Full PDB file with SEQRES, HELIX, SHEET, SSBOND, CRYST1, ORIGX, SCALE, CONECT and MASTER records, all heavy atoms in Angstrom:
SEQRES   1 A   33  ALA ARG CYS LEU ALA ALA ALA ALA PHE ASP ARG LEU GLY          
SEQRES   2 A   33  VAL HIS ARG LEU PHE ALA ARG LEU ASP THR GLU ASN THR          
SEQRES   3 A   33  GLY SER VAL ARG VAL CYS GLU                                  
HELIX    1 AA1 ARG A    2  ARG A   11  1                                  10    
HELIX    2 AA2 THR A   26  CYS A   32  1                                   7    
CRYST1    1.000    1.000    1.000  90.00  90.00  90.00 P 1           1          
ORIGX1      1.000000  0.000000  0.000000        0.00000                         
ORIGX2      0.000000  1.000000  0.000000        0.00000                         
ORIGX3      0.000000  0.000000  1.000000        0.00000                         
SCALE1      1.000000  0.000000  0.000000        0.00000                         
SCALE2      0.000000  1.000000  0.000000        0.00000                         
SCALE3      0.000000  0.000000  1.000000        0.00000                         
ATOM      1  N   ALA A   1      -5.222   9.256   6.666  1.00  0.00           N  
ATOM      2  CA  ALA A   1      -3.792   9.490   6.876  1.00  0.00           C  
ATOM      3  C   ALA A   1      -3.564  10.560   7.938  1.00  0.00           C  
ATOM      4  O   ALA A   1      -2.664  10.435   8.774  1.00  0.00           O  
ATOM      5  CB  ALA A   1      -3.119   9.875   5.564  1.00  0.00           C  
ATOM      6  N   ARG A   2      -4.373  11.606   7.935  1.00  0.00           N  
ATOM      7  CA  ARG A   2      -4.241  12.671   8.946  1.00  0.00           C  
ATOM      8  C   ARG A   2      -4.510  12.109  10.348  1.00  0.00           C  
ATOM      9  O   ARG A   2      -3.794  12.415  11.303  1.00  0.00           O  
ATOM     10  CB  ARG A   2      -5.201  13.811   8.625  1.00  0.00           C  
ATOM     11  CG  ARG A   2      -5.036  14.997   9.567  1.00  0.00           C  
ATOM     12  CD  ARG A   2      -5.850  16.200   9.119  1.00  0.00           C  
ATOM     13  NE  ARG A   2      -5.164  16.821   8.000  1.00  0.00           N  
ATOM     14  CZ  ARG A   2      -5.718  17.088   6.820  1.00  0.00           C  
ATOM     15  NH1 ARG A   2      -6.986  16.813   6.602  1.00  0.00           N  
ATOM     16  NH2 ARG A   2      -5.029  17.656   5.855  1.00  0.00           N  
ATOM     17  N   CYS A   3      -5.518  11.263  10.467  1.00  0.00           N  
ATOM     18  CA  CYS A   3      -5.848  10.647  11.751  1.00  0.00           C  
ATOM     19  C   CYS A   3      -4.708   9.748  12.233  1.00  0.00           C  
ATOM     20  O   CYS A   3      -4.309   9.794  13.401  1.00  0.00           O  
ATOM     21  CB  CYS A   3      -7.149   9.859  11.600  1.00  0.00           C  
ATOM     22  SG  CYS A   3      -7.733   9.065  13.101  1.00  0.00           S  
ATOM     23  N   LEU A   4      -4.164   8.934  11.340  1.00  0.00           N  
ATOM     24  CA  LEU A   4      -3.067   8.043  11.717  1.00  0.00           C  
ATOM     25  C   LEU A   4      -1.803   8.829  12.033  1.00  0.00           C  
ATOM     26  O   LEU A   4      -1.077   8.497  12.980  1.00  0.00           O  
ATOM     27  CB  LEU A   4      -2.805   7.018  10.609  1.00  0.00           C  
ATOM     28  CG  LEU A   4      -1.778   5.937  10.945  1.00  0.00           C  
ATOM     29  CD1 LEU A   4      -2.188   5.123  12.177  1.00  0.00           C  
ATOM     30  CD2 LEU A   4      -1.579   5.016   9.741  1.00  0.00           C  
ATOM     31  N   ALA A   5      -1.533   9.889  11.281  1.00  0.00           N  
ATOM     32  CA  ALA A   5      -0.359  10.730  11.553  1.00  0.00           C  
ATOM     33  C   ALA A   5      -0.464  11.360  12.940  1.00  0.00           C  
ATOM     34  O   ALA A   5       0.518  11.386  13.695  1.00  0.00           O  
ATOM     35  CB  ALA A   5      -0.221  11.808  10.478  1.00  0.00           C  
ATOM     36  N   ALA A   6      -1.637  11.845  13.298  1.00  0.00           N  
ATOM     37  CA  ALA A   6      -1.824  12.437  14.630  1.00  0.00           C  
ATOM     38  C   ALA A   6      -1.556  11.405  15.718  1.00  0.00           C  
ATOM     39  O   ALA A   6      -0.895  11.702  16.725  1.00  0.00           O  
ATOM     40  CB  ALA A   6      -3.238  13.005  14.756  1.00  0.00           C  
ATOM     41  N   ALA A   7      -2.034  10.182  15.536  1.00  0.00           N  
ATOM     42  CA  ALA A   7      -1.779   9.124  16.515  1.00  0.00           C  
ATOM     43  C   ALA A   7      -0.294   8.784  16.569  1.00  0.00           C  
ATOM     44  O   ALA A   7       0.260   8.540  17.651  1.00  0.00           O  
ATOM     45  CB  ALA A   7      -2.595   7.875  16.166  1.00  0.00           C  
ATOM     46  N   ALA A   8       0.368   8.782  15.417  1.00  0.00           N  
ATOM     47  CA  ALA A   8       1.809   8.489  15.377  1.00  0.00           C  
ATOM     48  C   ALA A   8       2.582   9.512  16.205  1.00  0.00           C  
ATOM     49  O   ALA A   8       3.449   9.151  17.012  1.00  0.00           O  
ATOM     50  CB  ALA A   8       2.309   8.477  13.937  1.00  0.00           C  
ATOM     51  N   PHE A   9       2.275  10.775  16.019  1.00  0.00           N  
ATOM     52  CA  PHE A   9       2.992  11.827  16.735  1.00  0.00           C  
ATOM     53  C   PHE A   9       2.583  11.911  18.201  1.00  0.00           C  
ATOM     54  O   PHE A   9       3.438  11.955  19.091  1.00  0.00           O  
ATOM     55  CB  PHE A   9       2.742  13.186  16.070  1.00  0.00           C  
ATOM     56  CG  PHE A   9       3.356  13.317  14.707  1.00  0.00           C  
ATOM     57  CD1 PHE A   9       2.632  13.853  13.664  1.00  0.00           C  
ATOM     58  CD2 PHE A   9       4.660  12.912  14.457  1.00  0.00           C  
ATOM     59  CE1 PHE A   9       3.189  13.994  12.400  1.00  0.00           C  
ATOM     60  CE2 PHE A   9       5.234  13.050  13.199  1.00  0.00           C  
ATOM     61  CZ  PHE A   9       4.489  13.588  12.165  1.00  0.00           C  
ATOM     62  N   ASP A  10       1.286  11.910  18.467  1.00  0.00           N  
ATOM     63  CA  ASP A  10       0.793  12.183  19.810  1.00  0.00           C  
ATOM     64  C   ASP A  10       0.801  10.974  20.737  1.00  0.00           C  
ATOM     65  O   ASP A  10       0.944  11.119  21.941  1.00  0.00           O  
ATOM     66  CB  ASP A  10      -0.627  12.757  19.746  1.00  0.00           C  
ATOM     67  CG  ASP A  10      -0.675  14.077  18.993  1.00  0.00           C  
ATOM     68  OD1 ASP A  10       0.372  14.766  18.911  1.00  0.00           O  
ATOM     69  OD2 ASP A  10      -1.750  14.421  18.460  1.00  0.00           O  
ATOM     70  N   ARG A  11       0.637   9.761  20.174  1.00  0.00           N  
ATOM     71  CA  ARG A  11       0.519   8.584  21.029  1.00  0.00           C  
ATOM     72  C   ARG A  11       1.716   7.651  20.947  1.00  0.00           C  
ATOM     73  O   ARG A  11       1.978   6.907  21.883  1.00  0.00           O  
ATOM     74  CB  ARG A  11      -0.760   7.835  20.675  1.00  0.00           C  
ATOM     75  CG  ARG A  11      -1.987   8.703  21.010  1.00  0.00           C  
ATOM     76  CD  ARG A  11      -3.227   8.255  20.298  1.00  0.00           C  
ATOM     77  NE  ARG A  11      -3.863   7.150  20.952  1.00  0.00           N  
ATOM     78  CZ  ARG A  11      -5.039   6.652  20.603  1.00  0.00           C  
ATOM     79  NH1 ARG A  11      -5.703   7.196  19.599  1.00  0.00           N  
ATOM     80  NH2 ARG A  11      -5.551   5.635  21.222  1.00  0.00           N  
ATOM     81  N   LEU A  12       2.421   7.684  19.820  1.00  0.00           N  
ATOM     82  CA  LEU A  12       3.552   6.775  19.654  1.00  0.00           C  
ATOM     83  C   LEU A  12       4.899   7.484  19.721  1.00  0.00           C  
ATOM     84  O   LEU A  12       5.936   6.839  19.647  1.00  0.00           O  
ATOM     85  CB  LEU A  12       3.432   6.009  18.329  1.00  0.00           C  
ATOM     86  CG  LEU A  12       2.270   5.027  18.269  1.00  0.00           C  
ATOM     87  CD1 LEU A  12       2.135   4.441  16.874  1.00  0.00           C  
ATOM     88  CD2 LEU A  12       2.444   3.925  19.303  1.00  0.00           C  
ATOM     89  N   GLY A  13       4.890   8.794  19.815  1.00  0.00           N  
ATOM     90  CA  GLY A  13       6.134   9.536  19.952  1.00  0.00           C  
ATOM     91  C   GLY A  13       6.984   9.609  18.697  1.00  0.00           C  
ATOM     92  O   GLY A  13       8.197   9.820  18.764  1.00  0.00           O  
ATOM     93  N   VAL A  14       6.362   9.466  17.527  1.00  0.00           N  
ATOM     94  CA  VAL A  14       7.104   9.574  16.278  1.00  0.00           C  
ATOM     95  C   VAL A  14       7.592  11.018  16.123  1.00  0.00           C  
ATOM     96  O   VAL A  14       6.867  11.970  16.402  1.00  0.00           O  
ATOM     97  CB  VAL A  14       6.216   9.144  15.082  1.00  0.00           C  
ATOM     98  CG1 VAL A  14       6.857   9.501  13.752  1.00  0.00           C  
ATOM     99  CG2 VAL A  14       5.923   7.649  15.160  1.00  0.00           C  
ATOM    100  N   HIS A  15       8.838  11.153  15.686  1.00  0.00           N  
ATOM    101  CA  HIS A  15       9.444  12.470  15.448  1.00  0.00           C  
ATOM    102  C   HIS A  15       9.338  12.867  13.969  1.00  0.00           C  
ATOM    103  O   HIS A  15       9.055  14.014  13.654  1.00  0.00           O  
ATOM    104  CB  HIS A  15      10.916  12.446  15.868  1.00  0.00           C  
ATOM    105  CG  HIS A  15      11.671  13.666  15.468  1.00  0.00           C  
ATOM    106  ND1 HIS A  15      11.443  14.897  16.040  1.00  0.00           N  
ATOM    107  CD2 HIS A  15      12.636  13.848  14.528  1.00  0.00           C  
ATOM    108  CE1 HIS A  15      12.241  15.786  15.478  1.00  0.00           C  
ATOM    109  NE2 HIS A  15      12.978  15.185  14.560  1.00  0.00           N  
ATOM    110  N   ARG A  16       9.581  11.900  13.066  1.00  0.00           N  
ATOM    111  CA  ARG A  16       9.561  12.168  11.625  1.00  0.00           C  
ATOM    112  C   ARG A  16       8.725  11.089  10.940  1.00  0.00           C  
ATOM    113  O   ARG A  16       8.970   9.903  11.112  1.00  0.00           O  
ATOM    114  CB  ARG A  16      10.979  12.154  11.062  1.00  0.00           C  
ATOM    115  CG  ARG A  16      11.047  12.402   9.562  1.00  0.00           C  
ATOM    116  CD  ARG A  16      12.512  12.440   9.073  1.00  0.00           C  
ATOM    117  NE  ARG A  16      12.580  12.577   7.636  1.00  0.00           N  
ATOM    118  CZ  ARG A  16      12.552  11.547   6.783  1.00  0.00           C  
ATOM    119  NH1 ARG A  16      12.498  10.310   7.219  1.00  0.00           N  
ATOM    120  NH2 ARG A  16      12.610  11.759   5.486  1.00  0.00           N  
ATOM    121  N   LEU A  17       7.761  11.544  10.164  1.00  0.00           N  
ATOM    122  CA  LEU A  17       6.869  10.653   9.428  1.00  0.00           C  
ATOM    123  C   LEU A  17       7.166  10.846   7.943  1.00  0.00           C  
ATOM    124  O   LEU A  17       7.263  11.978   7.469  1.00  0.00           O  
ATOM    125  CB  LEU A  17       5.416  11.035   9.732  1.00  0.00           C  
ATOM    126  CG  LEU A  17       4.322  10.113   9.252  1.00  0.00           C  
ATOM    127  CD1 LEU A  17       4.417   8.762   9.954  1.00  0.00           C  
ATOM    128  CD2 LEU A  17       2.964  10.744   9.526  1.00  0.00           C  
ATOM    129  N   PHE A  18       7.318   9.738   7.221  1.00  0.00           N  
ATOM    130  CA  PHE A  18       7.584   9.865   5.791  1.00  0.00           C  
ATOM    131  C   PHE A  18       6.709   8.906   4.993  1.00  0.00           C  
ATOM    132  O   PHE A  18       6.185   7.922   5.520  1.00  0.00           O  
ATOM    133  CB  PHE A  18       9.074   9.654   5.472  1.00  0.00           C  
ATOM    134  CG  PHE A  18       9.574   8.260   5.700  1.00  0.00           C  
ATOM    135  CD1 PHE A  18       9.591   7.329   4.664  1.00  0.00           C  
ATOM    136  CD2 PHE A  18      10.040   7.867   6.946  1.00  0.00           C  
ATOM    137  CE1 PHE A  18      10.060   6.040   4.874  1.00  0.00           C  
ATOM    138  CE2 PHE A  18      10.522   6.584   7.162  1.00  0.00           C  
ATOM    139  CZ  PHE A  18      10.527   5.663   6.123  1.00  0.00           C  
ATOM    140  N   ALA A  19       6.557   9.231   3.718  1.00  0.00           N  
ATOM    141  CA  ALA A  19       5.801   8.396   2.779  1.00  0.00           C  
ATOM    142  C   ALA A  19       6.637   8.253   1.518  1.00  0.00           C  
ATOM    143  O   ALA A  19       7.217   9.231   1.039  1.00  0.00           O  
ATOM    144  CB  ALA A  19       4.455   9.042   2.442  1.00  0.00           C  
ATOM    145  N   ARG A  20       6.693   7.032   1.005  1.00  0.00           N  
ATOM    146  CA  ARG A  20       7.351   6.755  -0.275  1.00  0.00           C  
ATOM    147  C   ARG A  20       6.270   6.382  -1.271  1.00  0.00           C  
ATOM    148  O   ARG A  20       5.431   5.531  -0.978  1.00  0.00           O  
ATOM    149  CB  ARG A  20       8.335   5.591  -0.128  1.00  0.00           C  
ATOM    150  CG  ARG A  20       9.512   5.909   0.734  1.00  0.00           C  
ATOM    151  CD  ARG A  20      10.433   4.728   0.873  1.00  0.00           C  
ATOM    152  NE  ARG A  20      10.383   3.882  -0.314  1.00  0.00           N  
ATOM    153  CZ  ARG A  20      10.888   2.669  -0.390  1.00  0.00           C  
ATOM    154  NH1 ARG A  20      11.489   2.141   0.628  1.00  0.00           N  
ATOM    155  NH2 ARG A  20      10.795   1.964  -1.494  1.00  0.00           N  
ATOM    156  N   LEU A  21       6.272   7.022  -2.433  1.00  0.00           N  
ATOM    157  CA  LEU A  21       5.220   6.740  -3.394  1.00  0.00           C  
ATOM    158  C   LEU A  21       5.718   6.863  -4.820  1.00  0.00           C  
ATOM    159  O   LEU A  21       6.653   7.612  -5.101  1.00  0.00           O  
ATOM    160  CB  LEU A  21       4.023   7.669  -3.173  1.00  0.00           C  
ATOM    161  CG  LEU A  21       4.331   9.136  -2.967  1.00  0.00           C  
ATOM    162  CD1 LEU A  21       3.512   9.977  -3.892  1.00  0.00           C  
ATOM    163  CD2 LEU A  21       4.004   9.470  -1.527  1.00  0.00           C  
ATOM    164  N   ASP A  22       5.104   6.105  -5.689  1.00  0.00           N  
ATOM    165  CA  ASP A  22       5.411   6.150  -7.104  1.00  0.00           C  
ATOM    166  C   ASP A  22       5.134   7.557  -7.626  1.00  0.00           C  
ATOM    167  O   ASP A  22       4.103   8.154  -7.295  1.00  0.00           O  
ATOM    168  CB  ASP A  22       4.541   5.116  -7.839  1.00  0.00           C  
ATOM    169  CG  ASP A  22       4.931   4.938  -9.277  1.00  0.00           C  
ATOM    170  OD1 ASP A  22       4.731   5.886 -10.069  1.00  0.00           O  
ATOM    171  OD2 ASP A  22       5.432   3.857  -9.624  1.00  0.00           O  
ATOM    172  N   THR A  23       6.037   8.084  -8.439  1.00  0.00           N  
ATOM    173  CA  THR A  23       5.874   9.449  -8.938  1.00  0.00           C  
ATOM    174  C   THR A  23       4.622   9.615  -9.798  1.00  0.00           C  
ATOM    175  O   THR A  23       4.117  10.725  -9.938  1.00  0.00           O  
ATOM    176  CB  THR A  23       7.108   9.895  -9.753  1.00  0.00           C  
ATOM    177  OG1 THR A  23       7.301   8.996 -10.843  1.00  0.00           O  
ATOM    178  CG2 THR A  23       8.350   9.936  -8.882  1.00  0.00           C  
ATOM    179  N   GLU A  24       4.134   8.513 -10.358  1.00  0.00           N  
ATOM    180  CA  GLU A  24       2.930   8.595 -11.196  1.00  0.00           C  
ATOM    181  C   GLU A  24       1.638   8.502 -10.378  1.00  0.00           C  
ATOM    182  O   GLU A  24       0.551   8.662 -10.922  1.00  0.00           O  
ATOM    183  CB  GLU A  24       2.968   7.499 -12.256  1.00  0.00           C  
ATOM    184  CG  GLU A  24       4.111   7.679 -13.244  1.00  0.00           C  
ATOM    185  CD  GLU A  24       4.204   6.561 -14.258  1.00  0.00           C  
ATOM    186  OE1 GLU A  24       3.296   5.701 -14.314  1.00  0.00           O  
ATOM    187  OE2 GLU A  24       5.194   6.555 -15.009  1.00  0.00           O  
ATOM    188  N   ASN A  25       1.766   8.265  -9.088  1.00  0.00           N  
ATOM    189  CA  ASN A  25       0.599   8.141  -8.217  1.00  0.00           C  
ATOM    190  C   ASN A  25       0.178   9.538  -7.752  1.00  0.00           C  
ATOM    191  O   ASN A  25       0.429   9.945  -6.620  1.00  0.00           O  
ATOM    192  CB  ASN A  25       0.930   7.223  -7.034  1.00  0.00           C  
ATOM    193  CG  ASN A  25      -0.284   6.888  -6.204  1.00  0.00           C  
ATOM    194  OD1 ASN A  25      -1.326   7.516  -6.330  1.00  0.00           O  
ATOM    195  ND2 ASN A  25      -0.137   5.910  -5.342  1.00  0.00           N  
ATOM    196  N   THR A  26      -0.459  10.264  -8.656  1.00  0.00           N  
ATOM    197  CA  THR A  26      -0.793  11.665  -8.385  1.00  0.00           C  
ATOM    198  C   THR A  26      -1.776  11.824  -7.223  1.00  0.00           C  
ATOM    199  O   THR A  26      -1.726  12.819  -6.507  1.00  0.00           O  
ATOM    200  CB  THR A  26      -1.349  12.350  -9.650  1.00  0.00           C  
ATOM    201  OG1 THR A  26      -2.487  11.607 -10.109  1.00  0.00           O  
ATOM    202  CG2 THR A  26      -0.293  12.421 -10.735  1.00  0.00           C  
ATOM    203  N   GLY A  27      -2.644  10.845  -7.019  1.00  0.00           N  
ATOM    204  CA  GLY A  27      -3.571  10.917  -5.885  1.00  0.00           C  
ATOM    205  C   GLY A  27      -2.820  10.918  -4.564  1.00  0.00           C  
ATOM    206  O   GLY A  27      -3.119  11.714  -3.663  1.00  0.00           O  
ATOM    207  N   SER A  28      -1.818  10.061  -4.426  1.00  0.00           N  
ATOM    208  CA  SER A  28      -1.036  10.017  -3.184  1.00  0.00           C  
ATOM    209  C   SER A  28      -0.136  11.239  -3.035  1.00  0.00           C  
ATOM    210  O   SER A  28       0.110  11.700  -1.922  1.00  0.00           O  
ATOM    211  CB  SER A  28      -0.220   8.728  -3.102  1.00  0.00           C  
ATOM    212  OG  SER A  28      -1.070   7.648  -2.766  1.00  0.00           O  
ATOM    213  N   VAL A  29       0.347  11.782  -4.145  1.00  0.00           N  
ATOM    214  CA  VAL A  29       1.105  13.031  -4.078  1.00  0.00           C  
ATOM    215  C   VAL A  29       0.220  14.116  -3.456  1.00  0.00           C  
ATOM    216  O   VAL A  29       0.642  14.845  -2.553  1.00  0.00           O  
ATOM    217  CB  VAL A  29       1.613  13.461  -5.479  1.00  0.00           C  
ATOM    218  CG1 VAL A  29       2.101  14.903  -5.478  1.00  0.00           C  
ATOM    219  CG2 VAL A  29       2.708  12.522  -5.957  1.00  0.00           C  
ATOM    220  N   ARG A  30      -1.025  14.202  -3.925  1.00  0.00           N  
ATOM    221  CA  ARG A  30      -1.947  15.217  -3.381  1.00  0.00           C  
ATOM    222  C   ARG A  30      -2.244  14.971  -1.900  1.00  0.00           C  
ATOM    223  O   ARG A  30      -2.356  15.922  -1.127  1.00  0.00           O  
ATOM    224  CB  ARG A  30      -3.238  15.249  -4.205  1.00  0.00           C  
ATOM    225  CG  ARG A  30      -3.049  15.925  -5.560  1.00  0.00           C  
ATOM    226  CD  ARG A  30      -4.373  16.219  -6.249  1.00  0.00           C  
ATOM    227  NE  ARG A  30      -5.161  15.029  -6.509  1.00  0.00           N  
ATOM    228  CZ  ARG A  30      -5.072  14.276  -7.599  1.00  0.00           C  
ATOM    229  NH1 ARG A  30      -4.231  14.591  -8.546  1.00  0.00           N  
ATOM    230  NH2 ARG A  30      -5.840  13.220  -7.751  1.00  0.00           N  
ATOM    231  N   VAL A  31      -2.365  13.702  -1.489  1.00  0.00           N  
ATOM    232  CA  VAL A  31      -2.594  13.409  -0.067  1.00  0.00           C  
ATOM    233  C   VAL A  31      -1.420  13.937   0.758  1.00  0.00           C  
ATOM    234  O   VAL A  31      -1.614  14.616   1.766  1.00  0.00           O  
ATOM    235  CB  VAL A  31      -2.807  11.895   0.175  1.00  0.00           C  
ATOM    236  CG1 VAL A  31      -2.786  11.572   1.663  1.00  0.00           C  
ATOM    237  CG2 VAL A  31      -4.118  11.438  -0.446  1.00  0.00           C  
ATOM    238  N   CYS A  32      -0.205  13.640   0.337  1.00  0.00           N  
ATOM    239  CA  CYS A  32       0.978  14.119   1.066  1.00  0.00           C  
ATOM    240  C   CYS A  32       0.976  15.638   1.176  1.00  0.00           C  
ATOM    241  O   CYS A  32       1.246  16.194   2.252  1.00  0.00           O  
ATOM    242  CB  CYS A  32       2.266  13.654   0.384  1.00  0.00           C  
ATOM    243  SG  CYS A  32       2.603  11.902   0.536  1.00  0.00           S  
ATOM    244  N   GLU A  33       0.678  16.300   0.093  1.00  0.00           N  
ATOM    245  CA  GLU A  33       0.675  17.764   0.100  1.00  0.00           C  
ATOM    246  C   GLU A  33      -0.440  18.322   0.974  1.00  0.00           C  
ATOM    247  O   GLU A  33      -0.240  19.296   1.699  1.00  0.00           O  
ATOM    248  CB  GLU A  33       0.606  18.286  -1.335  1.00  0.00           C  
ATOM    249  CG  GLU A  33       1.910  17.976  -2.071  1.00  0.00           C  
ATOM    250  CD  GLU A  33       1.879  18.251  -3.560  1.00  0.00           C  
ATOM    251  OE1 GLU A  33       0.780  18.538  -4.120  1.00  0.00           O  
ATOM    252  OE2 GLU A  33       2.958  18.150  -4.186  1.00  0.00           O  
TER     253      GLU A  33                                                      
MASTER        0    0    0    2    0    0    0    6  252    1    0    3          
END                                                                             
């Protein structure tokens, strides 16, 4: 996710990146954090 986020910002010109995830998906919560 960090690698893809860097490409989104640096190569695709993304300004705001967001993730939607189930509140019970604690693994993905930790990734976001």
